[in-house]
Amino acid sequence: MTLDYDKIFVLYLESLTGTISPEDAVLLRQQLRTDGSVRKIWEQLEREGQTPEMQQFLDRLDPEAELRRLKEKIQLANNKAPLRIGRMIAVAAAVLALVFAGYFLFKERKITDTGAIAARIRENKGSIHLRLASGESIDLNRSNEQLTLGHTTLNLDSSGLDFSSSDTASNLLSIPRGETYTLTLSDGTVVTLNADSKLRFPFRFGSHTRDVYLEGEAYFKVAKDSRHPFIVRTPLTEIEVVGTEFNVNTYKTGTVSTALIEGKVLTGVPGGADQPLQPGYAAIYNTSGGFKIEEVDTDDIVAWVKGVYYFHNLPFHDLVTMMERSYGVAITTDSPALANKTVSGLMDKNNLPELLEDLKTTLGIKYHYSGHTLHIY
């Protein structure tokens, strides 16, 4: 016997309010021990029950007043003497169960309108953070604010960072899912970072090379300086340039793709031979197969800088990964039939409703949003 969501929800409420029967308690323990799907739903309900919003909801709750009102209704309806203590406890538990149910139904209701889904996802986006070499973390979503920290002055803006500093220690810029960010380095190099990416950089470069470290994806417009090569270090490779435009993508585990838009770069692995790269080509390094040079459509490669993603015969699960990263939302695919589907088209990171409607037309999907998760089936 597998419990459905509604039954698990009722058992959760009964467990919270102490009204669960011994038989149901035994059944619940057995299901949680043997059924992964039941355990997953239960853990989701527990997470929701521990949120600050739930605590605020409970802080505003007046159970005694609710109990008093319910007692009055029962006594009026039955024209009987006041309830005994045992019955009062049962009534109080029932009231709390109803209140909890009301909260969860509000929080977990299924949203099917695409505009409402996009709005709710935007509300839950993370913040862009800069962690200084000193260990201090700064929220860059604060706009029009100036901070002075030692020899460093930061002008904060959600769309970019302006700074003045003589500090050569490395800082870590972290971009959450659903966001992009543009940073101008001290030498004039412009770096546009994609969602779920990190860049380690100094406020001021040293005397020999201009080194940065990237995880995720970024588009570089490197300021020319023949005496100080610009080096991008990734978890697997190094890219050296003097002045050029190129894109680096490390999203896929064990793979780094470097696509050259303009100029010339050398890329390689530490201790290995360098791979020269010409405009219109990408050097794709894989830990199992080494380097492969292939021609690419550079317009497609860098379209993400303008918020557009092109995909051709892309497995649906890869599109879901791209959607999670670009829109900043957890996605559950509840239909096994989608696993073998491939899709071609474009995705506008500022227009989730359009993408969902396109997928509805081409693949016949349905969708709803609940529990901070977009369900596609």
Protein backbone atom coordinates (compact mmCIF):
# COMPACT_ATOMS: atom_id res chain seq x y z
CA MET A 1 0.00 0.00 0.00
CA THR A 2 1.41 3.37 -1.06
CA LEU A 3 0.06 6.52 0.58
CA ASP A 4 -0.93 9.40 -1.68
CA TYR A 5 -0.11 13.03 -0.99
CA ASP A 6 -3.46 13.85 0.63
CA LYS A 7 -3.23 10.95 3.09
CA ILE A 8 0.37 11.82 3.98
CA PHE A 9 -0.69 15.43 4.50
CA VAL A 10 -3.48 14.38 6.90
CA LEU A 11 -1.10 12.12 8.82
CA TYR A 12 1.40 14.97 9.07
CA LEU A 13 -1.23 17.30 10.54
CA GLU A 14 -2.41 14.62 12.94
CA SER A 15 1.18 13.99 13.99
CA LEU A 16 1.72 17.71 14.64
CA THR A 17 -1.43 18.01 16.72
CA GLY A 18 -1.13 14.69 18.58
CA THR A 19 -4.34 13.28 17.16
CA ILE A 20 -2.83 10.46 15.09
CA SER A 21 -4.25 7.03 15.92
CA PRO A 22 -1.94 4.17 17.03
CA GLU A 23 -2.80 2.25 13.86
CA ASP A 24 -1.96 5.20 11.61
CA ALA A 25 1.24 5.84 13.55
CA VAL A 26 2.40 2.26 12.86
CA LEU A 27 1.41 2.57 9.19
CA LEU A 28 3.27 5.87 8.86
CA ARG A 29 6.47 4.51 10.40
CA GLN A 30 6.37 1.53 8.06
CA GLN A 31 5.80 3.67 4.96
CA LEU A 32 8.55 6.13 5.87
CA ARG A 33 10.95 3.22 6.33
CA THR A 34 10.13 1.37 3.09
CA ASP A 35 8.72 3.86 0.57
CA GLY A 36 11.05 6.54 -0.80
CA SER A 37 8.22 8.57 -2.41
CA VAL A 38 6.35 8.79 0.92
CA ARG A 39 9.56 9.79 2.68
CA LYS A 40 10.22 12.52 0.10
CA ILE A 41 6.76 14.08 0.58
CA TRP A 42 7.07 13.86 4.36
CA GLU A 43 10.47 15.60 4.30
CA GLN A 44 9.04 18.35 2.10
CA LEU A 45 6.19 18.92 4.57
CA GLU A 46 8.68 19.01 7.45
CA ARG A 47 10.80 21.61 5.64
CA GLU A 48 7.76 23.79 5.02
CA GLY A 49 6.70 23.40 8.64
CA GLN A 50 10.05 24.75 9.83
CA THR A 51 10.13 27.89 7.68
CA PRO A 52 10.21 31.39 9.25
CA GLU A 53 6.87 32.05 7.55
CA MET A 54 5.27 29.14 9.43
CA GLN A 55 6.71 30.39 12.72
CA GLN A 56 5.34 33.87 12.07
CA PHE A 57 2.00 32.28 11.21
CA LEU A 58 1.98 30.40 14.50
CA ASP A 59 3.06 33.49 16.44
CA ARG A 60 -0.03 35.30 15.16
CA LEU A 61 -2.27 32.34 15.98
CA ASP A 62 -4.51 32.50 19.09
CA PRO A 63 -5.58 28.87 19.70
CA GLU A 64 -7.50 29.72 22.86
CA ALA A 65 -9.65 32.23 21.01
CA GLU A 66 -10.25 29.71 18.23
CA LEU A 67 -11.16 27.06 20.80
CA ARG A 68 -13.51 29.43 22.59
CA ARG A 69 -15.32 30.29 19.39
CA LEU A 70 -15.63 26.63 18.41
CA LYS A 71 -16.94 25.67 21.87
CA GLU A 72 -19.58 28.35 21.65
CA LYS A 73 -20.71 27.04 18.28
CA ILE A 74 -20.88 23.44 19.51
CA GLN A 75 -22.74 24.37 22.69
CA LEU A 76 -25.17 26.54 20.77
CA ALA A 77 -25.83 23.79 18.26
CA ASN A 78 -26.31 21.01 20.81
CA ASN A 79 -27.69 23.10 23.69
CA LYS A 80 -25.62 21.01 26.11
CA ALA A 81 -23.45 21.62 29.18
CA PRO A 82 -19.84 22.82 28.77
CA LEU A 83 -17.49 20.31 27.23
CA ARG A 84 -15.43 18.01 29.44
CA ILE A 85 -11.66 18.50 29.53
CA GLY A 86 -10.94 15.48 27.30
CA ARG A 87 -13.35 16.72 24.67
CA MET A 88 -11.88 20.21 24.88
CA ILE A 89 -8.43 18.81 24.10
CA ALA A 90 -9.80 16.95 21.09
CA VAL A 91 -11.55 20.09 19.87
CA ALA A 92 -8.38 22.14 20.34
CA ALA A 93 -6.42 19.58 18.34
CA ALA A 94 -9.04 19.71 15.59
CA VAL A 95 -8.84 23.50 15.51
CA LEU A 96 -5.04 23.42 15.22
CA ALA A 97 -5.29 20.81 12.46
CA LEU A 98 -7.66 23.04 10.53
CA VAL A 99 -5.41 26.05 11.03
CA PHE A 100 -2.33 24.13 9.87
CA ALA A 101 -4.27 22.81 6.91
CA GLY A 102 -5.29 26.34 5.97
CA TYR A 103 -1.70 27.49 6.11
CA PHE A 104 -0.39 24.62 4.01
CA LEU A 105 -3.16 24.88 1.46
CA PHE A 106 -2.26 28.53 1.03
CA LYS A 107 1.46 27.86 0.85
CA GLU A 108 1.27 24.72 -1.30
CA ARG A 109 -1.58 25.56 -3.62
CA LYS A 110 -0.86 24.74 -7.22
CA ILE A 111 -0.24 27.80 -9.38
CA THR A 112 -0.90 27.17 -13.07
CA ASP A 113 -0.94 30.71 -14.49
CA THR A 114 2.41 31.29 -16.23
CA GLY A 115 2.61 34.95 -15.22
CA ALA A 116 1.97 34.10 -11.58
CA ILE A 117 4.57 31.31 -11.73
CA ALA A 118 7.22 33.68 -13.12
CA ALA A 119 6.39 36.31 -10.47
CA ARG A 120 6.66 33.78 -7.63
CA ILE A 121 10.01 32.51 -8.94
CA ARG A 122 11.36 36.08 -9.10
CA GLU A 123 10.35 36.58 -5.47
CA ASN A 124 12.49 33.60 -4.42
CA LYS A 125 15.71 34.51 -6.25
CA GLY A 126 18.97 34.55 -4.38
CA SER A 127 21.31 37.51 -3.94
CA ILE A 128 24.62 38.30 -5.62
CA HIS A 129 27.42 38.23 -3.04
CA LEU A 130 30.99 39.46 -2.91
CA ARG A 131 33.21 37.83 -0.30
CA LEU A 132 36.27 39.95 0.37
CA ALA A 133 39.70 38.54 1.12
CA SER A 134 39.09 39.62 4.72
CA GLY A 135 36.16 37.18 4.90
CA GLU A 136 33.46 39.85 4.95
CA SER A 137 30.44 39.10 2.73
CA ILE A 138 28.60 41.92 0.94
CA ASP A 139 25.15 41.70 -0.65
CA LEU A 140 25.49 43.41 -4.05
CA ASN A 141 21.72 43.60 -4.57
CA ARG A 142 21.77 46.70 -2.38
CA SER A 143 21.64 49.61 -4.84
CA ASN A 144 23.06 53.12 -4.74
CA GLU A 145 25.16 52.53 -1.66
CA GLN A 146 28.84 53.29 -1.09
CA LEU A 147 31.04 51.32 1.29
CA THR A 148 34.56 52.20 2.39
CA LEU A 149 36.58 49.31 3.79
CA GLY A 150 40.20 50.17 4.52
CA HIS A 151 41.81 51.16 1.20
CA THR A 152 38.80 49.99 -0.80
CA THR A 153 35.71 51.94 -1.87
CA LEU A 154 32.76 50.01 -3.31
CA ASN A 155 29.84 51.57 -5.15
CA LEU A 156 27.09 48.96 -4.97
CA ASP A 157 24.58 48.40 -7.74
CA SER A 158 22.51 45.32 -8.61
CA SER A 159 23.57 45.59 -12.28
CA GLY A 160 27.31 46.07 -11.78
CA LEU A 161 30.11 46.86 -9.34
CA ASP A 162 32.30 49.96 -9.37
CA PHE A 163 35.32 49.97 -7.06
CA SER A 164 38.53 51.77 -6.22
CA SER A 165 41.24 49.90 -4.35
CA SER A 166 44.95 49.17 -4.08
CA ASP A 167 44.32 45.70 -2.59
CA THR A 168 45.81 42.80 -4.61
CA ALA A 169 44.26 39.99 -2.52
CA SER A 170 41.63 37.79 -4.19
CA ASN A 171 37.89 38.29 -3.67
CA LEU A 172 35.09 35.89 -4.60
CA LEU A 173 32.07 37.07 -6.60
CA SER A 174 29.16 34.57 -6.49
CA ILE A 175 26.21 34.77 -8.89
CA PRO A 176 23.13 32.73 -7.86
CA ARG A 177 20.82 30.85 -10.19
CA GLY A 178 18.51 33.14 -12.10
CA GLU A 179 20.91 36.11 -12.21
CA THR A 180 23.70 37.48 -14.43
CA TYR A 181 26.19 40.20 -13.53
CA THR A 182 28.75 42.41 -15.26
CA LEU A 183 32.03 43.35 -13.60
CA THR A 184 34.69 45.76 -14.89
CA LEU A 185 38.11 44.83 -13.52
CA SER A 186 40.81 47.32 -12.59
CA ASP A 187 42.58 46.96 -15.98
CA GLY A 188 39.37 47.73 -17.92
CA THR A 189 38.54 44.09 -18.73
CA VAL A 190 34.77 43.50 -18.77
CA VAL A 191 33.49 40.17 -17.46
CA THR A 192 29.85 39.15 -17.81
CA LEU A 193 29.04 36.25 -15.49
CA ASN A 194 26.21 33.83 -16.14
CA ALA A 195 23.92 32.32 -13.51
CA ASP A 196 25.36 29.92 -10.91
CA SER A 197 28.93 31.14 -11.52
CA LYS A 198 31.86 32.28 -9.41
CA LEU A 199 34.80 34.54 -10.22
CA ARG A 200 37.83 34.96 -7.99
CA PHE A 201 39.64 38.22 -8.77
CA PRO A 202 41.74 40.95 -7.11
CA PHE A 203 40.68 44.59 -6.95
CA ARG A 204 44.14 45.38 -8.34
CA PHE A 205 46.34 43.07 -10.41
CA GLY A 206 49.96 42.28 -9.50
CA SER A 207 53.01 43.27 -11.47
CA HIS A 208 53.38 40.29 -13.86
CA THR A 209 50.11 38.63 -14.96
CA ARG A 210 46.41 39.35 -14.62
CA ASP A 211 44.97 36.20 -13.06
CA VAL A 212 41.32 35.33 -12.39
CA TYR A 213 39.65 32.02 -11.50
CA LEU A 214 36.29 30.98 -12.97
CA GLU A 215 33.66 28.37 -12.15
CA GLY A 216 30.50 28.41 -14.28
CA GLU A 217 30.28 30.56 -17.41
CA ALA A 218 31.59 34.00 -18.32
CA TYR A 219 32.13 36.19 -21.36
CA PHE A 220 35.39 38.15 -21.33
CA LYS A 221 36.32 41.35 -23.16
CA VAL A 222 39.96 41.59 -22.18
CA ALA A 223 41.75 44.94 -22.18
CA LYS A 224 44.95 44.78 -24.25
CA ASP A 225 48.22 44.81 -22.32
CA SER A 226 51.06 42.90 -24.01
CA ARG A 227 53.31 43.19 -20.96
CA HIS A 228 50.77 41.60 -18.60
CA PRO A 229 49.03 38.51 -20.07
CA PHE A 230 45.48 37.90 -18.87
CA ILE A 231 45.01 34.35 -17.54
CA VAL A 232 41.70 32.65 -16.80
CA ARG A 233 42.12 29.61 -14.60
CA THR A 234 39.31 27.04 -14.43
CA PRO A 235 39.05 23.82 -12.39
CA LEU A 236 40.70 21.97 -15.33
CA THR A 237 42.35 24.39 -17.76
CA GLU A 238 44.13 27.71 -18.20
CA ILE A 239 43.46 30.30 -20.93
CA GLU A 240 46.06 32.95 -21.71
CA VAL A 241 45.36 36.08 -23.76
CA VAL A 242 46.65 39.58 -24.33
CA GLY A 243 43.49 41.26 -25.54
CA THR A 244 40.49 39.50 -27.05
CA GLU A 245 36.86 38.36 -26.62
CA PHE A 246 35.99 34.80 -25.66
CA ASN A 247 33.52 32.68 -23.73
CA VAL A 248 34.38 30.06 -21.11
CA ASN A 249 31.91 27.44 -19.89
CA THR A 250 32.66 24.96 -17.07
CA TYR A 251 29.08 23.99 -16.16
CA LYS A 252 29.39 20.37 -17.26
CA THR A 253 31.41 18.30 -14.80
CA GLY A 254 34.74 17.22 -16.25
CA THR A 255 34.46 19.56 -19.26
CA VAL A 256 35.65 23.08 -20.11
CA SER A 257 34.64 24.79 -23.36
CA THR A 258 36.50 27.90 -24.53
CA ALA A 259 34.98 29.62 -27.59
CA LEU A 260 36.93 32.43 -29.27
CA ILE A 261 34.96 35.35 -30.66
CA GLU A 262 37.76 37.73 -31.60
CA GLY A 263 41.59 37.74 -31.39
CA LYS A 264 43.67 34.74 -30.35
CA VAL A 265 44.05 32.65 -27.22
CA LEU A 266 46.15 29.77 -25.96
CA THR A 267 44.48 27.18 -23.74
CA GLY A 268 45.84 24.10 -22.06
CA VAL A 269 46.09 22.13 -18.86
CA PRO A 270 48.75 22.85 -16.25
CA GLY A 271 51.98 21.18 -17.34
CA GLY A 272 50.64 20.32 -20.82
CA ALA A 273 51.00 21.75 -24.31
CA ASP A 274 49.01 24.85 -25.24
CA GLN A 275 46.21 24.68 -27.81
CA PRO A 276 46.03 27.77 -30.08
CA LEU A 277 42.52 28.84 -30.96
CA GLN A 278 41.17 30.87 -33.89
CA PRO A 279 37.96 32.98 -33.98
CA GLY A 280 34.84 30.92 -34.64
CA TYR A 281 36.23 27.81 -32.98
CA ALA A 282 35.93 26.26 -29.53
CA ALA A 283 38.49 24.22 -27.61
CA ILE A 284 36.55 21.61 -25.65
CA TYR A 285 38.54 19.83 -22.97
CA ASN A 286 37.26 16.66 -21.35
CA THR A 287 39.03 14.78 -18.59
CA SER A 288 38.50 11.47 -20.40
CA GLY A 289 39.36 12.55 -23.95
CA GLY A 290 41.60 15.62 -23.77
CA PHE A 291 41.17 18.55 -26.17
CA LYS A 292 38.92 18.71 -29.22
CA ILE A 293 38.77 21.75 -31.53
CA GLU A 294 35.49 22.32 -33.36
CA GLU A 295 33.82 25.10 -35.32
CA VAL A 296 30.93 26.78 -33.52
CA ASP A 297 28.23 29.38 -34.11
CA THR A 298 29.59 32.18 -31.96
CA ASP A 299 26.28 34.06 -32.07
CA ASP A 300 24.63 31.08 -30.39
CA ILE A 301 27.47 30.74 -27.89
CA VAL A 302 27.30 34.31 -26.57
CA ALA A 303 23.55 34.95 -26.98
CA TRP A 304 23.15 34.29 -23.23
CA VAL A 305 24.83 37.65 -22.55
CA LYS A 306 21.66 39.23 -23.98
CA GLY A 307 19.44 36.78 -22.10
CA VAL A 308 18.76 34.33 -24.95
CA TYR A 309 19.72 30.66 -25.20
CA TYR A 310 19.60 28.65 -28.43
CA PHE A 311 19.41 24.85 -28.33
CA HIS A 312 19.36 22.21 -31.05
CA ASN A 313 18.14 18.63 -30.46
CA LEU A 314 18.81 19.11 -26.77
CA PRO A 315 17.76 16.26 -24.45
CA PHE A 316 14.85 17.42 -22.33
CA HIS A 317 16.66 16.75 -19.05
CA ASP A 318 19.49 19.06 -20.23
CA LEU A 319 16.94 21.77 -20.99
CA VAL A 320 15.54 21.35 -17.48
CA THR A 321 19.03 21.86 -16.05
CA MET A 322 19.42 25.01 -18.15
CA MET A 323 16.01 26.27 -17.00
CA GLU A 324 16.82 25.67 -13.33
CA ARG A 325 20.05 27.62 -13.64
CA SER A 326 18.73 30.47 -15.80
CA TYR A 327 15.41 31.07 -14.03
CA GLY A 328 16.62 30.21 -10.53
CA VAL A 329 13.96 27.59 -9.80
CA ALA A 330 13.91 23.93 -8.75
CA ILE A 331 12.16 21.78 -11.36
CA THR A 332 10.68 18.30 -10.97
CA THR A 333 9.75 16.34 -14.08
CA ASP A 334 6.90 14.05 -13.10
CA SER A 335 6.51 12.28 -16.46
CA PRO A 336 8.87 9.42 -17.47
CA ALA A 337 7.75 9.95 -21.08
CA LEU A 338 9.70 13.23 -21.20
CA ALA A 339 13.02 11.52 -20.46
CA ASN A 340 13.59 10.51 -24.10
CA LYS A 341 12.39 13.76 -25.68
CA THR A 342 14.68 16.25 -27.45
CA VAL A 343 13.88 19.89 -28.14
CA SER A 344 15.09 22.66 -30.42
CA GLY A 345 14.37 26.36 -30.12
CA LEU A 346 15.30 29.31 -27.95
CA MET A 347 14.82 30.30 -24.34
CA ASP A 348 14.45 33.90 -23.15
CA LYS A 349 15.59 34.11 -19.54
CA ASN A 350 13.21 37.04 -19.03
CA ASN A 351 10.17 35.22 -20.41
CA LEU A 352 9.48 31.92 -18.68
CA PRO A 353 5.75 31.99 -19.59
CA GLU A 354 6.61 31.94 -23.30
CA LEU A 355 8.91 28.94 -22.88
CA LEU A 356 6.33 26.99 -20.89
CA GLU A 357 3.65 27.67 -23.49
CA ASP A 358 6.04 26.65 -26.29
CA LEU A 359 6.79 23.36 -24.52
CA LYS A 360 3.09 22.84 -23.96
CA THR A 361 2.50 23.20 -27.71
CA THR A 362 5.47 21.13 -28.93
CA LEU A 363 5.69 18.41 -26.26
CA GLY A 364 2.21 18.52 -24.76
CA ILE A 365 3.51 19.18 -21.24
CA LYS A 366 1.45 20.36 -18.29
CA TYR A 367 2.87 22.29 -15.36
CA HIS A 368 2.16 23.90 -12.03
CA TYR A 369 4.17 25.62 -9.31
CA SER A 370 3.98 24.65 -5.64
CA GLY A 371 6.34 24.33 -2.70
CA HIS A 372 9.00 26.50 -4.39
CA THR A 373 9.16 23.90 -7.18
CA LEU A 374 8.05 23.99 -10.82
CA HIS A 375 6.43 20.66 -11.69
CA ILE A 376 6.46 19.62 -15.36
CA TYR A 377 4.59 16.50 -16.47
